[in-house]
C-alpha cells in the first residue's frame, strides 16, 4: 500500500491493509480491493500478464 487504507479480498479471506503494508498472493488468486479511509488510497499492483496459461 502506497497510501491510505482499505480491505483486500484474497481468495475467501478479507484483510485490512494500511499504508506501507505488503501483500503477496499466489497466481490466479481471486482478488478485490476497496478503500475504507477518508482520504485517497493507492497501491502498486505487479502482474505478469505475459505468462503462459496451462489448461
Protein backbone atom coordinates (compact mmCIF):
# COMPACT_ATOMS: atom_id res chain seq x y z
CA UNK A 1 0.00 0.00 0.00
CA UNK A 2 1.41 3.31 -1.05
CA UNK A 3 -1.22 5.47 0.62
CA UNK A 4 -4.41 5.21 2.69
CA UNK A 5 -6.18 2.09 3.91
CA UNK A 6 -8.68 -0.45 2.72
CA UNK A 7 -9.94 -4.01 2.65
CA UNK A 8 -8.39 -6.60 0.35
CA UNK A 9 -10.10 -9.87 -0.56
CA UNK A 10 -7.69 -12.69 -1.38
CA UNK A 11 -9.48 -15.92 -2.25
CA UNK A 12 -12.10 -16.24 0.52
CA UNK A 13 -10.34 -14.12 3.17
CA UNK A 14 -10.61 -10.37 3.85
CA UNK A 15 -7.50 -8.49 5.05
CA UNK A 16 -7.38 -4.94 6.37
CA UNK A 17 -4.43 -3.11 4.80
CA UNK A 18 -2.75 0.17 5.69
CA UNK A 19 -0.09 2.38 4.17
CA UNK A 20 3.29 0.57 3.99
CA UNK A 21 1.70 -2.93 4.16
CA UNK A 22 2.93 -5.55 1.69
CA UNK A 23 0.69 -8.27 0.24
CA UNK A 24 1.84 -11.36 -1.63
CA UNK A 25 -0.70 -13.50 -3.44
CA UNK A 26 -0.32 -16.73 -5.34
CA UNK A 27 -1.04 -16.97 -9.06
CA UNK A 28 -4.68 -16.96 -10.16
CA UNK A 29 -5.89 -15.90 -6.70
CA UNK A 30 -9.25 -14.07 -6.92
CA UNK A 31 -8.80 -10.56 -5.53
CA UNK A 32 -10.73 -7.39 -4.80
CA UNK A 33 -9.83 -4.09 -3.09
CA UNK A 34 -11.96 -1.27 -1.76
CA UNK A 35 -10.78 1.81 0.17
CA UNK A 36 -12.15 2.42 3.67
CA UNK A 37 -10.42 5.62 4.80
CA UNK A 38 -11.43 9.26 4.46
CA UNK A 39 -8.51 10.06 2.18
CA UNK A 40 -7.30 8.63 -1.12
CA UNK A 41 -5.91 5.11 -1.34
CA UNK A 42 -3.21 3.92 -3.72
CA UNK A 43 -1.43 0.62 -4.17
CA UNK A 44 1.06 -0.83 -6.60
CA UNK A 45 0.00 -3.98 -8.42
CA UNK A 46 2.50 -6.03 -10.38
CA UNK A 47 1.17 -8.79 -12.62
CA UNK A 48 3.00 -10.91 -15.15
CA UNK A 49 0.43 -10.69 -17.94
CA UNK A 50 2.68 -12.41 -20.47
CA UNK A 51 2.79 -15.79 -18.72
CA UNK A 52 1.56 -18.91 -20.46
CA UNK A 53 -1.64 -20.43 -19.13
CA UNK A 54 -1.62 -24.24 -18.91
CA UNK A 55 -5.02 -25.92 -19.30
